C-alpha atoms as a PDB file:
ATOM      1  CA  MET A   1      83.566 101.690 118.950  1.00  0.00           C
ATOM      2  CA  LYS A   2      83.712  98.218 117.444  1.00  0.00           C
ATOM      3  CA  LYS A   3      87.122  97.212 116.129  1.00  0.00           C
ATOM      4  CA  LEU A   4      88.229  94.962 113.288  1.00  0.00           C
ATOM      5  CA  TYR A   5      91.850  93.825 113.199  1.00  0.00           C
ATOM      6  CA  ILE A   6      93.333  92.547 109.952  1.00  0.00           C
ATOM      7  CA  PHE A   7      96.207  90.148 110.555  1.00  0.00           C
ATOM      8  CA  SER A   8      98.659  88.181 108.436  1.00  0.00           C
ATOM      9  CA  TYR A   9     100.785  85.117 109.088  1.00  0.00           C
ATOM     10  CA  GLY A  10     103.203  86.202 106.353  1.00  0.00           C
ATOM     11  CA  LEU A  11     103.823  83.677 103.598  1.00  0.00           C
ATOM     12  CA  TYR A  12     103.633  80.771 106.054  1.00  0.00           C
ATOM     13  CA  PRO A  13     102.650  80.527 109.749  1.00  0.00           C
ATOM     14  CA  GLY A  14     106.244  80.624 110.979  1.00  0.00           C
ATOM     15  CA  GLN A  15     106.433  84.260 109.873  1.00  0.00           C
ATOM     16  CA  VAL A  16     103.612  85.519 112.090  1.00  0.00           C
ATOM     17  CA  THR A  17     104.836  88.436 114.221  1.00  0.00           C
ATOM     18  CA  LEU A  18     104.798  88.805 118.000  1.00  0.00           C
ATOM     19  CA  GLU A  19     102.710  91.966 117.555  1.00  0.00           C
ATOM     20  CA  THR A  20     100.080  89.995 115.648  1.00  0.00           C
ATOM     21  CA  LEU A  21      99.996  87.152 118.176  1.00  0.00           C
ATOM     22  CA  ALA A  22      99.486  89.607 121.041  1.00  0.00           C
ATOM     23  CA  ALA A  23      96.678  91.446 119.240  1.00  0.00           C
ATOM     24  CA  MET A  24      94.896  88.205 118.340  1.00  0.00           C
ATOM     25  CA  LYS A  25      94.314  87.605 122.046  1.00  0.00           C
ATOM     26  CA  GLU A  26      92.232  90.794 122.190  1.00  0.00           C
ATOM     27  CA  CYS A  27      89.740  89.385 119.688  1.00  0.00           C
ATOM     28  CA  GLY A  28      86.530  87.590 120.543  1.00  0.00           C
ATOM     29  CA  ALA A  29      86.871  85.713 117.257  1.00  0.00           C
ATOM     30  CA  VAL A  30      89.382  85.557 114.414  1.00  0.00           C
ATOM     31  CA  TYR A  31      88.191  84.554 110.952  1.00  0.00           C
ATOM     32  CA  THR A  32      90.492  83.186 108.271  1.00  0.00           C
ATOM     33  CA  HIS A  33      90.036  82.223 104.634  1.00  0.00           C
ATOM     34  CA  CYS A  34      93.451  80.710 104.008  1.00  0.00           C
ATOM     35  CA  LEU A  35      94.162  77.936 106.518  1.00  0.00           C
ATOM     36  CA  ASP A  36      93.147  74.297 106.476  1.00  0.00           C
ATOM     37  CA  ALA A  37      92.117  72.548 109.683  1.00  0.00           C
ATOM     38  CA  ALA A  38      95.542  70.990 110.288  1.00  0.00           C
ATOM     39  CA  THR A  39      97.428  74.268 109.914  1.00  0.00           C
ATOM     40  CA  ALA A  40      94.816  76.161 111.913  1.00  0.00           C
ATOM     41  CA  ALA A  41      95.464  73.808 114.826  1.00  0.00           C
ATOM     42  CA  ARG A  42      98.870  75.473 115.223  1.00  0.00           C
ATOM     43  CA  PHE A  43      97.075  78.691 116.138  1.00  0.00           C
ATOM     44  CA  ALA A  44      94.541  77.069 118.475  1.00  0.00           C
ATOM     45  CA  GLY A  45      96.351  77.978 121.687  1.00  0.00           C
ATOM     46  CA  LEU A  46      97.288  81.446 120.438  1.00  0.00           C
ATOM     47  CA  THR A  47      94.068  82.589 118.816  1.00  0.00           C
ATOM     48  CA  PRO A  48      90.831  82.299 120.792  1.00  0.00           C
ATOM     49  CA  GLY A  49      87.780  81.614 118.690  1.00  0.00           C
ATOM     50  CA  LEU A  50      89.546  80.877 115.386  1.00  0.00           C
ATOM     51  CA  LYS A  51      86.910  80.423 112.685  1.00  0.00           C
ATOM     52  CA  LEU A  52      87.690  78.799 109.338  1.00  0.00           C
ATOM     53  CA  ASN A  53      85.742  80.024 106.338  1.00  0.00           C
ATOM     54  CA  THR A  54      87.881  78.520 103.610  1.00  0.00           C
ATOM     55  CA  GLY A  55      86.120  78.180 100.286  1.00  0.00           C
ATOM     56  CA  LEU A  56      83.839  81.185 100.601  1.00  0.00           C
ATOM     57  CA  GLY A  57      83.876  83.987  98.049  1.00  0.00           C
ATOM     58  CA  ARG A  58      85.249  87.418  98.947  1.00  0.00           C
ATOM     59  CA  GLU A  59      81.898  88.959  99.834  1.00  0.00           C
ATOM     60  CA  ALA A  60      80.793  85.961 101.904  1.00  0.00           C
ATOM     61  CA  THR A  61      84.134  85.932 103.729  1.00  0.00           C
ATOM     62  CA  ALA A  62      83.807  89.616 104.588  1.00  0.00           C
ATOM     63  CA  LYS A  63      80.190  89.214 105.661  1.00  0.00           C
ATOM     64  CA  ALA A  64      81.050  86.355 108.038  1.00  0.00           C
ATOM     65  CA  ALA A  65      83.856  88.278 109.735  1.00  0.00           C
ATOM     66  CA  VAL A  66      81.973  91.553 110.086  1.00  0.00           C
ATOM     67  CA  ALA A  67      78.795  89.841 111.319  1.00  0.00           C
ATOM     68  CA  ALA A  68      80.743  88.753 114.411  1.00  0.00           C
ATOM     69  CA  LEU A  69      80.996  92.407 115.471  1.00  0.00           C
ATOM     70  CA  SER A  70      77.409  92.135 116.667  1.00  0.00           C
ATOM     71  CA  LYS A  71      78.639  89.700 119.314  1.00  0.00           C
ATOM     72  CA  PHE A  72      82.180  90.889 120.049  1.00  0.00           C
ATOM     73  CA  ASP A  73      83.780  94.314 120.479  1.00  0.00           C
ATOM     74  CA  THR A  74      86.902  93.234 118.606  1.00  0.00           C
ATOM     75  CA  VAL A  75      87.065  90.756 115.729  1.00  0.00           C
ATOM     76  CA  GLY A  76      90.094  89.648 113.732  1.00  0.00           C
ATOM     77  CA  PHE A  77      90.548  88.600 110.126  1.00  0.00           C
ATOM     78  CA  LEU A  78      93.637  86.512 109.336  1.00  0.00           C
ATOM     79  CA  THR A  79      95.046  86.527 105.818  1.00  0.00           C
ATOM     80  CA  TYR A  80      98.490  86.046 104.250  1.00  0.00           C
ATOM     81  CA  GLY A  81     101.284  88.247 102.884  1.00  0.00           C
ATOM     82  CA  ASN A  82     100.974  91.989 103.312  1.00  0.00           C
ATOM     83  CA  PRO A  83      97.228  92.425 103.960  1.00  0.00           C
ATOM     84  CA  LEU A  84      97.025  95.464 101.669  1.00  0.00           C
ATOM     85  CA  PHE A  85      99.285  94.279  98.845  1.00  0.00           C
ATOM     86  CA  LEU A  86      97.061  93.038  95.995  1.00  0.00           C
ATOM     87  CA  ASN A  87      94.732  91.343  98.476  1.00  0.00           C
ATOM     88  CA  GLN A  88      91.154  91.775  97.274  1.00  0.00           C
ATOM     89  CA  THR A  89      89.682  89.732 100.123  1.00  0.00           C
ATOM     90  CA  ALA A  90      91.207  91.986 102.786  1.00  0.00           C
ATOM     91  CA  ALA A  91      89.926  95.014 100.871  1.00  0.00           C
ATOM     92  CA  GLU A  92      86.422  93.521 100.871  1.00  0.00           C
ATOM     93  CA  VAL A  93      86.604  92.938 104.639  1.00  0.00           C
ATOM     94  CA  MET A  94      87.698  96.544 105.218  1.00  0.00           C
ATOM     95  CA  LYS A  95      84.831  97.798 103.062  1.00  0.00           C
ATOM     96  CA  ALA A  96      82.321  95.714 105.015  1.00  0.00           C
ATOM     97  CA  ALA A  97      83.739  96.927 108.341  1.00  0.00           C
ATOM     98  CA  ALA A  98      83.432 100.543 107.223  1.00  0.00           C
ATOM     99  CA  GLY A  99      79.784  99.867 106.432  1.00  0.00           C
ATOM    100  CA  LYS A 100      79.303  98.861 110.070  1.00  0.00           C
ATOM    101  CA  LYS A 101      81.138 101.986 111.305  1.00  0.00           C
ATOM    102  CA  ALA A 102      83.849  99.819 112.865  1.00  0.00           C
ATOM    103  CA  SER A 103      87.412 101.052 113.197  1.00  0.00           C
ATOM    104  CA  VAL A 104      89.975  99.031 111.259  1.00  0.00           C
ATOM    105  CA  ARG A 105      93.593  98.377 112.157  1.00  0.00           C
ATOM    106  CA  VAL A 106      95.893  96.564 109.751  1.00  0.00           C
ATOM    107  CA  PHE A 107      98.916  94.697 111.120  1.00  0.00           C
ATOM    108  CA  ALA A 108     101.947  94.415 108.854  1.00  0.00           C
ATOM    109  CA  GLY A 109     103.027  91.046 107.528  1.00  0.00           C
ATOM    110  CA  VAL A 110     105.789  89.590 105.370  1.00  0.00           C
ATOM    111  CA  SER A 111     104.710  89.735 101.729  1.00  0.00           C
ATOM    112  CA  SER A 112     105.791  88.061  98.517  1.00  0.00           C
ATOM    113  CA  PHE A 113     107.425  91.373  97.596  1.00  0.00           C
ATOM    114  CA  ASP A 114     109.739  91.067 100.613  1.00  0.00           C
ATOM    115  CA  ALA A 115     110.580  87.490  99.680  1.00  0.00           C
ATOM    116  CA  LEU A 116     111.264  88.403  96.045  1.00  0.00           C
ATOM    117  CA  VAL A 117     113.653  91.204  97.033  1.00  0.00           C
ATOM    118  CA  ASN A 118     115.686  88.604  98.917  1.00  0.00           C
ATOM    119  CA  LEU A 119     115.296  85.880  96.285  1.00  0.00           C
ATOM    120  CA  PHE A 120     116.682  88.075  93.494  1.00  0.00           C
ATOM    121  CA  ASN A 121     119.103  90.046  95.684  1.00  0.00           C
ATOM    122  CA  LEU A 122     117.432  93.365  94.903  1.00  0.00           C
ATOM    123  CA  ASN A 123     119.268  95.213  97.649  1.00  0.00           C
ATOM    124  CA  LYS A 124     120.315  97.583  94.878  1.00  0.00           C
ATOM    125  CA  PHE A 125     117.820  98.237  92.102  1.00  0.00           C
ATOM    126  CA  SER A 126     118.643  99.213  88.538  1.00  0.00           C
ATOM    127  CA  PRO A 127     119.571 102.933  88.252  1.00  0.00           C
ATOM    128  CA  LEU A 128     116.001 103.929  87.356  1.00  0.00           C
ATOM    129  CA  GLY A 129     114.520 101.785  90.079  1.00  0.00           C
ATOM    130  CA  LEU A 130     112.163  98.858  90.482  1.00  0.00           C
ATOM    131  CA  ARG A 131     108.712  98.749  88.918  1.00  0.00           C
ATOM    132  CA  VAL A 132     105.867  96.726  90.428  1.00  0.00           C
ATOM    133  CA  MET A 133     103.262  95.753  87.834  1.00  0.00           C
ATOM    134  CA  ASP A 134      99.834  94.211  88.444  1.00  0.00           C
ATOM    135  CA  ALA A 135      99.012  92.076  85.409  1.00  0.00           C
ATOM    136  CA  ALA A 136      95.300  92.278  86.199  1.00  0.00           C
ATOM    137  CA  ALA A 137      95.274  96.081  86.407  1.00  0.00           C
ATOM    138  CA  ALA A 138      97.340  96.418  83.216  1.00  0.00           C
ATOM    139  CA  ILE A 139      95.447  93.775  81.283  1.00  0.00           C
ATOM    140  CA  ASP A 140      93.884  96.155  78.742  1.00  0.00           C
ATOM    141  CA  ALA A 141      97.014  98.160  77.960  1.00  0.00           C
ATOM    142  CA  PRO A 142     100.236  96.468  79.150  1.00  0.00           C
ATOM    143  CA  HIS A 143     103.276  98.725  79.099  1.00  0.00           C
ATOM    144  CA  PHE A 144     106.853  97.737  79.878  1.00  0.00           C
ATOM    145  CA  THR A 145     109.777  99.869  81.064  1.00  0.00           C
ATOM    146  CA  PRO A 146     112.915  97.952  80.028  1.00  0.00           C
ATOM    147  CA  ASP A 147     115.248 100.396  81.776  1.00  0.00           C
ATOM    148  CA  MET A 148     113.782  99.370  85.151  1.00  0.00           C
ATOM    149  CA  ASP A 149     113.799  96.082  87.038  1.00  0.00           C
ATOM    150  CA  THR A 150     110.224  94.812  86.815  1.00  0.00           C
ATOM    151  CA  LEU A 151     108.134  92.471  88.954  1.00  0.00           C
ATOM    152  CA  VAL A 152     104.853  91.360  87.368  1.00  0.00           C
ATOM    153  CA  PHE A 153     102.374  90.128  89.963  1.00  0.00           C
ATOM    154  CA  VAL A 154      99.308  87.912  89.406  1.00  0.00           C
ATOM    155  CA  PRO A 155     100.351  86.854  85.873  1.00  0.00           C
ATOM    156  CA  ASP A 156      98.046  83.834  86.208  1.00  0.00           C
ATOM    157  CA  VAL A 157      95.122  86.047  85.116  1.00  0.00           C
ATOM    158  CA  LEU A 158      96.614  85.991  81.632  1.00  0.00           C
ATOM    159  CA  ASN A 159      95.904  82.269  81.373  1.00  0.00           C
ATOM    160  CA  LEU A 160      92.157  82.643  81.854  1.00  0.00           C
ATOM    161  CA  LYS A 161      90.235  81.749  78.700  1.00  0.00           C
ATOM    162  CA  ALA A 162      88.469  85.096  78.772  1.00  0.00           C
ATOM    163  CA  ASN A 163      91.861  86.844  78.654  1.00  0.00           C
ATOM    164  CA  ALA A 164      93.305  85.124  75.578  1.00  0.00           C
ATOM    165  CA  ALA A 165      93.433  88.389  73.625  1.00  0.00           C
ATOM    166  CA  ALA A 166      94.943  90.209  76.606  1.00  0.00           C
ATOM    167  CA  LYS A 167      97.649  87.545  76.850  1.00  0.00           C
ATOM    168  CA  LYS A 168      98.609  88.175  73.223  1.00  0.00           C
ATOM    169  CA  ARG A 169      98.819  91.917  73.916  1.00  0.00           C
ATOM    170  CA  PHE A 170     100.985  91.275  76.979  1.00  0.00           C
ATOM    171  CA  LEU A 171     103.419  89.079  75.047  1.00  0.00           C
ATOM    172  CA  ALA A 172     103.559  91.490  72.114  1.00  0.00           C
ATOM    173  CA  ALA A 173     104.248  94.455  74.410  1.00  0.00           C
ATOM    174  CA  ALA A 174     107.056  92.579  76.175  1.00  0.00           C
ATOM    175  CA  LYS A 175     108.695  91.501  72.927  1.00  0.00           C
ATOM    176  CA  ALA A 176     108.486  95.045  71.566  1.00  0.00           C
ATOM    177  CA  ALA A 177     110.151  96.482  74.668  1.00  0.00           C
ATOM    178  CA  TYR A 178     112.978  93.997  75.277  1.00  0.00           C
ATOM    179  CA  PRO A 179     115.654  92.333  73.167  1.00  0.00           C
ATOM    180  CA  PRO A 180     114.851  88.630  72.573  1.00  0.00           C
ATOM    181  CA  SER A 181     117.767  87.522  74.758  1.00  0.00           C
ATOM    182  CA  ALA A 182     116.641  89.565  77.779  1.00  0.00           C
ATOM    183  CA  PRO A 183     116.270  87.283  80.812  1.00  0.00           C
ATOM    184  CA  ALA A 184     112.861  86.651  82.345  1.00  0.00           C
ATOM    185  CA  CYS A 185     112.244  84.530  85.435  1.00  0.00           C
ATOM    186  CA  LEU A 186     109.233  82.884  86.987  1.00  0.00           C
ATOM    187  CA  ALA A 187     109.440  82.936  90.782  1.00  0.00           C
ATOM    188  CA  ASP A 188     107.472  80.950  93.348  1.00  0.00           C
ATOM    189  CA  CYS A 189     108.317  82.155  96.862  1.00  0.00           C
ATOM    190  CA  ALA A 190     108.473  79.918  99.891  1.00  0.00           C
ATOM    191  CA  SER A 191     104.907  79.787 101.190  1.00  0.00           C
ATOM    192  CA  ILE A 192     102.361  77.737 103.095  1.00  0.00           C
ATOM    193  CA  SER A 193     102.049  75.614  99.938  1.00  0.00           C
ATOM    194  CA  SER A 194     105.774  75.019  99.498  1.00  0.00           C
ATOM    195  CA  ARG A 195     108.493  75.955 101.957  1.00  0.00           C
ATOM    196  CA  ARG A 196     111.118  75.930  99.194  1.00  0.00           C
ATOM    197  CA  PRO A 197     111.304  78.852  96.771  1.00  0.00           C
ATOM    198  CA  SER A 198     111.776  78.036  93.101  1.00  0.00           C
ATOM    199  CA  VAL A 199     112.889  80.037  90.082  1.00  0.00           C
ATOM    200  CA  ILE A 200     112.360  79.046  86.458  1.00  0.00           C
ATOM    201  CA  LYS A 201     114.753  80.941  84.193  1.00  0.00           C
ATOM    202  CA  GLY A 202     113.922  81.899  80.635  1.00  0.00           C
ATOM    203  CA  LYS A 203     114.054  84.719  78.108  1.00  0.00           C
ATOM    204  CA  VAL A 204     111.600  87.316  76.896  1.00  0.00           C
ATOM    205  CA  SER A 205     111.592  85.565  73.524  1.00  0.00           C
ATOM    206  CA  ALA A 206     110.225  82.473  75.316  1.00  0.00           C
ATOM    207  CA  LEU A 207     107.869  84.319  77.669  1.00  0.00           C
ATOM    208  CA  SER A 208     104.922  82.441  76.188  1.00  0.00           C
ATOM    209  CA  SER A 209     106.445  79.160  77.399  1.00  0.00           C
ATOM    210  CA  LEU A 210     106.974  80.594  80.881  1.00  0.00           C
ATOM    211  CA  LEU A 211     103.347  81.671  81.085  1.00  0.00           C
ATOM    212  CA  LYS A 212     102.246  78.098  80.429  1.00  0.00           C
ATOM    213  CA  GLN A 213     103.908  77.148  83.742  1.00  0.00           C
ATOM    214  CA  VAL A 214     102.352  79.945  85.813  1.00  0.00           C
ATOM    215  CA  ASN A 215     100.235  79.199  88.880  1.00  0.00           C
ATOM    216  CA  GLU A 216      98.508  81.565  91.310  1.00  0.00           C
ATOM    217  CA  ARG A 217     101.682  81.962  93.417  1.00  0.00           C
ATOM    218  CA  HIS A 218     104.059  82.967  90.631  1.00  0.00           C
ATOM    219  CA  THR A 219     105.582  86.366  89.931  1.00  0.00           C
ATOM    220  CA  ILE A 220     107.504  87.280  86.775  1.00  0.00           C
ATOM    221  CA  PHE A 221     110.829  89.085  87.225  1.00  0.00           C
ATOM    222  CA  ILE A 222     112.438  90.858  84.265  1.00  0.00           C
ATOM    223  CA  PRO A 223     115.713  92.641  85.089  1.00  0.00           C
ATOM    224  CA  ALA A 224     116.457  95.992  83.480  1.00  0.00           C
ATOM    225  CA  ALA A 225     117.696  95.502  79.933  1.00  0.00           C
ATOM    226  CA  ILE A 226     118.951  99.039  79.356  1.00  0.00           C
ATOM    227  CA  LYS A 227     121.616 100.310  81.734  1.00  0.00           C
ATOM    228  CA  LYS A 228     121.966 104.064  82.189  1.00  0.00           C
END
């Protein structure tokens, strides 16, 4: 049976695991959508047949990787973070591989969630736990749980022009759930783009100002406001 391996280099190439490096050598080709030529050169001696397809859409990226199964028994796809944590491109590749009846194996990688747990010292969550929220999935009906620590991923979707009304709903829901003085932070983890993590501190009352500074790497962290 043909095999497709889905790999990750973590948040930056230095976090790639020994397990991943060993499995890459089994592949006839490894496709990646998230490395430039200079960074890819670091993998040249470790990854035979590394193919860059930066700039392609999700479907085109998946098609390119899966098409290589006609030539090789095992093909790899290299992405970033945890391959199955809010990664639509990896999901598209898996879907395409299933269409070709290929087996798929996903190799674990360091994700932004892991980095955020360390960045905010979340070794111990609030008594009711930690909530992970996908701003894109909750865009039509945002709901906040102020008695839980909350991480809001992909908040950059709220800044799209088409989502102006959704952004207003998001801000209104947050302000209704939290006291104005409740802290809210904007976190940018160390990554291939910037090896230094950064945190912008603010308040729920000024969440609108924080959103103006959001880029595609940011996550919003709102600690629990109600202690039980």
